[in-house]
């Protein structure tokens, strides 16, 4: 782990404070500093429109995470923006001072750089896992011959394996009754449709789904505009990291289209059935 006390007292590192939602730097800016977060966290984001009026969060970094090690080797304009989530404190070193830092503290600088390399390798492994996971889900979606509960439940089983979770449930909004959801899937009963009705305003995870309160739970709403149509809940015995939360969101976004298509096909089939009668 980086020796923060040493770095702060080395005279080569400076301190910077950001207010909530303040930018550390924007896209196309040139910033040749290497940063370490002392408190709270930052979001790395990418503009999604030419007018730069909307962004997508690519990653979240927390206390003792570092960013922009690339500043040591190049001074290219940034391709992303970095924004504070709360009042955030950082320490940083300017790339031009790295040689002087190395000259004065060769052993400590060597350890500093080795720690950076090790962390980068860990990040690469994590991102490889995420890219592979999303590819596997998208491949299942693209290869679907039919869109029905059975095929969707197979995708849920894949999600459970990818996320290394013990339990996954899927709730589906009743199209007529407000706040009522149908409890359709429980990973303890693979590929079997459940038919329990749940009041989304009053349900209890421990009572209704036998989820131990000591476990870590992640819930994700899938909605069209502001209307929540489906809900997926997973839990496991270890806390979810920020990267796992992000992966879960990406995966759910990938299968939302499939669930919606199933509802459209069901509606068409039901209309045809009624007309035939």
Foldseek 3Di string as FASTA:
>chain_A
DAPVVCVVPVVQKDKDKDAAFDWPDAFQDFALKKKAWQAAKKFKWAQDDPVSPDIDTPAMGGHGDIDDPVSLPDGGTHRIIMTGRHTTMMMIGGSVCLVVSCVVCVVSSVVVVVVVVVVVVVVVVLVVLLVVLLVVLLVLVVPDPDQDLQSVLVSVVSVCVSLVFDKKWKWFDDPPDPQKIFGFDIVVDGSHGHGDIDRNVDDDCCVPPVDDPQWEKDKDFDDDPPHGGMIMMTIHNDYDDRSSNVSVVSSCVSCSVSVVVNVVVVVVVVVVVVVVD
